[in-house]
């Protein structure tokens, strides 16, 4: 009998908190905030509507100045393009042939061919002449050092 009463007491002690809690009406969401009371609406006085803001003096627009005579066009010097100078033909020792150089278009002062221009022209020529240029690397080196 003692065991039965201890078992009943244990069930009651553990089950009491579950029976005393009420199920939430809003599916488990807890709300701890009180709703605020609506503030009384302020009435605007007629004086506040007619109150002026900004400067007390009126500001009138100033007319724009009249257009002046147009500026004369600057005198531009006439630039005459330099004709591309063609370097002399290049001798290729592997094939024993003279291959003509393509016209040089320089980006230096007065249309002079710079080192970068010459190296780009020589690489392009080696591709144009292909097998006739022989060894590509030696052709490019001899063309650049010409």
C-alpha atoms as a PDB file:
ATOM      1  CA  UNK A   1       0.000   0.000   0.000  1.00  0.00           C
ATOM      2  CA  UNK A   2       2.832   2.319   0.735  1.00  0.00           C
ATOM      3  CA  UNK A   3       4.224   1.771  -2.728  1.00  0.00           C
ATOM      4  CA  UNK A   4       0.910   2.614  -4.389  1.00  0.00           C
ATOM      5  CA  UNK A   5       0.520   5.847  -2.448  1.00  0.00           C
ATOM      6  CA  UNK A   6       4.121   6.902  -3.248  1.00  0.00           C
ATOM      7  CA  UNK A   7       3.543   6.199  -6.899  1.00  0.00           C
ATOM      8  CA  UNK A   8       0.307   8.219  -6.862  1.00  0.00           C
ATOM      9  CA  UNK A   9       2.028  11.064  -5.046  1.00  0.00           C
ATOM     10  CA  UNK A  10       4.887  11.089  -7.590  1.00  0.00           C
ATOM     11  CA  UNK A  11       2.462  11.207 -10.517  1.00  0.00           C
ATOM     12  CA  UNK A  12       0.551  14.071  -8.913  1.00  0.00           C
ATOM     13  CA  UNK A  13       3.719  16.081  -8.144  1.00  0.00           C
ATOM     14  CA  UNK A  14       5.071  15.697 -11.663  1.00  0.00           C
ATOM     15  CA  UNK A  15       1.742  16.163 -13.408  1.00  0.00           C
ATOM     16  CA  UNK A  16       0.448  19.154 -11.393  1.00  0.00           C
ATOM     17  CA  UNK A  17       2.367  21.847 -13.299  1.00  0.00           C
ATOM     18  CA  UNK A  18       1.139  20.489 -16.622  1.00  0.00           C
ATOM     19  CA  UNK A  19      -2.530  20.577 -15.495  1.00  0.00           C
ATOM     20  CA  UNK A  20      -2.302  24.041 -13.974  1.00  0.00           C
ATOM     21  CA  UNK A  21      -0.941  25.732 -17.139  1.00  0.00           C
ATOM     22  CA  UNK A  22      -3.624  27.090 -19.442  1.00  0.00           C
ATOM     23  CA  UNK A  23      -3.301  26.446 -23.122  1.00  0.00           C
ATOM     24  CA  UNK A  24      -2.428  29.636 -25.048  1.00  0.00           C
ATOM     25  CA  UNK A  25      -5.249  31.079 -27.066  1.00  0.00           C
ATOM     26  CA  UNK A  26      -2.895  32.480 -29.727  1.00  0.00           C
ATOM     27  CA  UNK A  27      -1.065  29.249 -30.506  1.00  0.00           C
ATOM     28  CA  UNK A  28       1.876  29.693 -28.144  1.00  0.00           C
ATOM     29  CA  UNK A  29       2.714  33.362 -28.760  1.00  0.00           C
ATOM     30  CA  UNK A  30       3.388  35.310 -25.583  1.00  0.00           C
ATOM     31  CA  UNK A  31       2.518  39.024 -25.559  1.00  0.00           C
ATOM     32  CA  UNK A  32       3.913  41.057 -22.652  1.00  0.00           C
ATOM     33  CA  UNK A  33       3.233  44.498 -24.150  1.00  0.00           C
ATOM     34  CA  UNK A  34       0.208  46.521 -23.139  1.00  0.00           C
ATOM     35  CA  UNK A  35      -1.561  48.351 -25.944  1.00  0.00           C
ATOM     36  CA  UNK A  36      -1.024  52.106 -25.882  1.00  0.00           C
ATOM     37  CA  UNK A  37      -3.874  54.497 -25.504  1.00  0.00           C
ATOM     38  CA  UNK A  38      -4.569  56.693 -28.492  1.00  0.00           C
ATOM     39  CA  UNK A  39      -3.223  60.230 -28.103  1.00  0.00           C
ATOM     40  CA  UNK A  40      -5.742  63.034 -28.553  1.00  0.00           C
ATOM     41  CA  UNK A  41      -5.557  64.661 -31.985  1.00  0.00           C
ATOM     42  CA  UNK A  42      -3.970  68.116 -32.074  1.00  0.00           C
ATOM     43  CA  UNK A  43      -5.970  70.840 -33.696  1.00  0.00           C
ATOM     44  CA  UNK A  44      -4.082  73.288 -35.845  1.00  0.00           C
ATOM     45  CA  UNK A  45      -4.737  76.919 -35.235  1.00  0.00           C
ATOM     46  CA  UNK A  46      -5.340  79.357 -38.057  1.00  0.00           C
ATOM     47  CA  UNK A  47      -2.326  81.356 -36.987  1.00  0.00           C
ATOM     48  CA  UNK A  48       0.105  78.512 -37.561  1.00  0.00           C
ATOM     49  CA  UNK A  49      -1.151  78.056 -41.110  1.00  0.00           C
ATOM     50  CA  UNK A  50      -0.450  81.632 -42.087  1.00  0.00           C
ATOM     51  CA  UNK A  51       2.942  81.845 -40.394  1.00  0.00           C
ATOM     52  CA  UNK A  52       5.646  82.930 -42.850  1.00  0.00           C
ATOM     53  CA  UNK A  53       8.790  80.987 -43.169  1.00  0.00           C
ATOM     54  CA  UNK A  54      12.099  82.096 -44.646  1.00  0.00           C
ATOM     55  CA  UNK A  55      13.195  85.650 -45.395  1.00  0.00           C
ATOM     56  CA  UNK A  56      10.907  88.521 -44.536  1.00  0.00           C
ATOM     57  CA  UNK A  57      12.113  90.478 -47.581  1.00  0.00           C
ATOM     58  CA  UNK A  58      10.965  89.442 -51.050  1.00  0.00           C
ATOM     59  CA  UNK A  59      13.659  88.105 -53.402  1.00  0.00           C
ATOM     60  CA  UNK A  60      13.264  89.043 -57.052  1.00  0.00           C
ATOM     61  CA  UNK A  61      15.011  87.195 -59.900  1.00  0.00           C
ATOM     62  CA  UNK A  62      17.928  88.960 -61.578  1.00  0.00           C
ATOM     63  CA  UNK A  63      17.861  88.912 -65.395  1.00  0.00           C
ATOM     64  CA  UNK A  64      20.656  87.001 -67.100  1.00  0.00           C
ATOM     65  CA  UNK A  65      23.351  88.968 -68.960  1.00  0.00           C
ATOM     66  CA  UNK A  66      22.948  89.329 -72.707  1.00  0.00           C
ATOM     67  CA  UNK A  67      24.942  86.899 -74.877  1.00  0.00           C
ATOM     68  CA  UNK A  68      28.371  88.097 -75.907  1.00  0.00           C
ATOM     69  CA  UNK A  69      30.023  87.705 -79.277  1.00  0.00           C
ATOM     70  CA  UNK A  70      31.174  84.126 -79.974  1.00  0.00           C
ATOM     71  CA  UNK A  71      34.835  83.355 -79.426  1.00  0.00           C
ATOM     72  CA  UNK A  72      36.923  83.073 -82.576  1.00  0.00           C
ATOM     73  CA  UNK A  73      37.926  79.576 -83.587  1.00  0.00           C
ATOM     74  CA  UNK A  74      41.522  78.731 -82.710  1.00  0.00           C
ATOM     75  CA  UNK A  75      43.961  78.478 -85.578  1.00  0.00           C
ATOM     76  CA  UNK A  76      44.828  74.814 -86.016  1.00  0.00           C
ATOM     77  CA  UNK A  77      48.015  73.977 -87.884  1.00  0.00           C
ATOM     78  CA  UNK A  78      47.610  71.645 -90.830  1.00  0.00           C
ATOM     79  CA  UNK A  79      49.279  68.314 -90.162  1.00  0.00           C
ATOM     80  CA  UNK A  80      50.570  66.470 -93.183  1.00  0.00           C
ATOM     81  CA  UNK A  81      51.024  62.746 -92.633  1.00  0.00           C
ATOM     82  CA  UNK A  82      54.514  61.431 -93.269  1.00  0.00           C
ATOM     83  CA  UNK A  83      54.869  58.730 -95.826  1.00  0.00           C
ATOM     84  CA  UNK A  84      55.837  55.408 -94.337  1.00  0.00           C
ATOM     85  CA  UNK A  85      59.505  54.719 -94.914  1.00  0.00           C
ATOM     86  CA  UNK A  86      60.327  51.214 -96.045  1.00  0.00           C
ATOM     87  CA  UNK A  87      63.519  49.759 -94.567  1.00  0.00           C
ATOM     88  CA  UNK A  88      65.884  47.956 -96.960  1.00  0.00           C
ATOM     89  CA  UNK A  89      65.320  44.242 -97.674  1.00  0.00           C
ATOM     90  CA  UNK A  90      66.583  41.735 -95.125  1.00  0.00           C
ATOM     91  CA  UNK A  91      69.027  38.942 -96.020  1.00  0.00           C
ATOM     92  CA  UNK A  92      68.099  35.555 -94.501  1.00  0.00           C
ATOM     93  CA  UNK A  93      71.222  33.327 -94.178  1.00  0.00           C
ATOM     94  CA  UNK A  94      69.255  30.044 -93.721  1.00  0.00           C
ATOM     95  CA  UNK A  95      67.482  30.410 -97.063  1.00  0.00           C
ATOM     96  CA  UNK A  96      69.942  32.743 -98.843  1.00  0.00           C
ATOM     97  CA  UNK A  97      67.094  35.043 -99.919  1.00  0.00           C
ATOM     98  CA  UNK A  98      66.440  38.776 -99.619  1.00  0.00           C
ATOM     99  CA  UNK A  99      62.989  39.401 -98.116  1.00  0.00           C
ATOM    100  CA  UNK A 100      61.471  42.872 -98.474  1.00  0.00           C
ATOM    101  CA  UNK A 101      60.440  44.710 -95.305  1.00  0.00           C
ATOM    102  CA  UNK A 102      56.916  45.954 -94.860  1.00  0.00           C
ATOM    103  CA  UNK A 103      56.389  49.723 -94.674  1.00  0.00           C
ATOM    104  CA  UNK A 104      57.211  51.144 -91.245  1.00  0.00           C
ATOM    105  CA  UNK A 105      54.585  53.236 -89.493  1.00  0.00           C
ATOM    106  CA  UNK A 106      56.247  54.889 -86.535  1.00  0.00           C
ATOM    107  CA  UNK A 107      54.627  56.334 -83.469  1.00  0.00           C
ATOM    108  CA  UNK A 108      57.678  58.359 -82.468  1.00  0.00           C
ATOM    109  CA  UNK A 109      58.195  62.103 -82.992  1.00  0.00           C
ATOM    110  CA  UNK A 110      57.749  63.056 -86.641  1.00  0.00           C
ATOM    111  CA  UNK A 111      56.565  59.535 -87.526  1.00  0.00           C
ATOM    112  CA  UNK A 112      59.886  57.917 -86.594  1.00  0.00           C
ATOM    113  CA  UNK A 113      59.827  54.179 -85.973  1.00  0.00           C
ATOM    114  CA  UNK A 114      60.486  53.344 -82.306  1.00  0.00           C
ATOM    115  CA  UNK A 115      62.012  50.126 -81.001  1.00  0.00           C
ATOM    116  CA  UNK A 116      58.561  48.823 -80.071  1.00  0.00           C
ATOM    117  CA  UNK A 117      57.276  49.641 -83.574  1.00  0.00           C
ATOM    118  CA  UNK A 118      60.219  47.833 -85.192  1.00  0.00           C
ATOM    119  CA  UNK A 119      59.878  44.744 -83.000  1.00  0.00           C
ATOM    120  CA  UNK A 120      56.139  44.519 -83.704  1.00  0.00           C
ATOM    121  CA  UNK A 121      56.783  44.913 -87.463  1.00  0.00           C
ATOM    122  CA  UNK A 122      59.465  42.206 -87.418  1.00  0.00           C
ATOM    123  CA  UNK A 123      57.267  39.721 -85.548  1.00  0.00           C
ATOM    124  CA  UNK A 124      54.436  40.433 -87.995  1.00  0.00           C
ATOM    125  CA  UNK A 125      56.766  39.947 -90.988  1.00  0.00           C
ATOM    126  CA  UNK A 126      57.997  36.616 -89.648  1.00  0.00           C
ATOM    127  CA  UNK A 127      54.393  35.423 -89.627  1.00  0.00           C
ATOM    128  CA  UNK A 128      53.723  36.819 -93.111  1.00  0.00           C
ATOM    129  CA  UNK A 129      56.781  35.190 -94.694  1.00  0.00           C
ATOM    130  CA  UNK A 130      56.448  31.934 -92.753  1.00  0.00           C
ATOM    131  CA  UNK A 131      58.804  29.221 -94.133  1.00  0.00           C
ATOM    132  CA  UNK A 132      60.643  31.704 -96.361  1.00  0.00           C
ATOM    133  CA  UNK A 133      61.966  33.500 -93.252  1.00  0.00           C
ATOM    134  CA  UNK A 134      63.736  30.329 -92.054  1.00  0.00           C
ATOM    135  CA  UNK A 135      64.194  30.084 -88.288  1.00  0.00           C
ATOM    136  CA  UNK A 136      61.627  32.467 -86.843  1.00  0.00           C
ATOM    137  CA  UNK A 137      63.650  33.564 -83.804  1.00  0.00           C
ATOM    138  CA  UNK A 138      66.827  34.319 -85.751  1.00  0.00           C
ATOM    139  CA  UNK A 139      64.783  36.210 -88.393  1.00  0.00           C
ATOM    140  CA  UNK A 140      63.142  38.391 -85.735  1.00  0.00           C
ATOM    141  CA  UNK A 141      66.508  39.114 -84.023  1.00  0.00           C
ATOM    142  CA  UNK A 142      68.236  40.066 -87.274  1.00  0.00           C
ATOM    143  CA  UNK A 143      65.267  42.193 -88.358  1.00  0.00           C
ATOM    144  CA  UNK A 144      65.155  44.100 -85.056  1.00  0.00           C
ATOM    145  CA  UNK A 145      68.927  44.677 -85.065  1.00  0.00           C
ATOM    146  CA  UNK A 146      68.949  45.888 -88.691  1.00  0.00           C
END
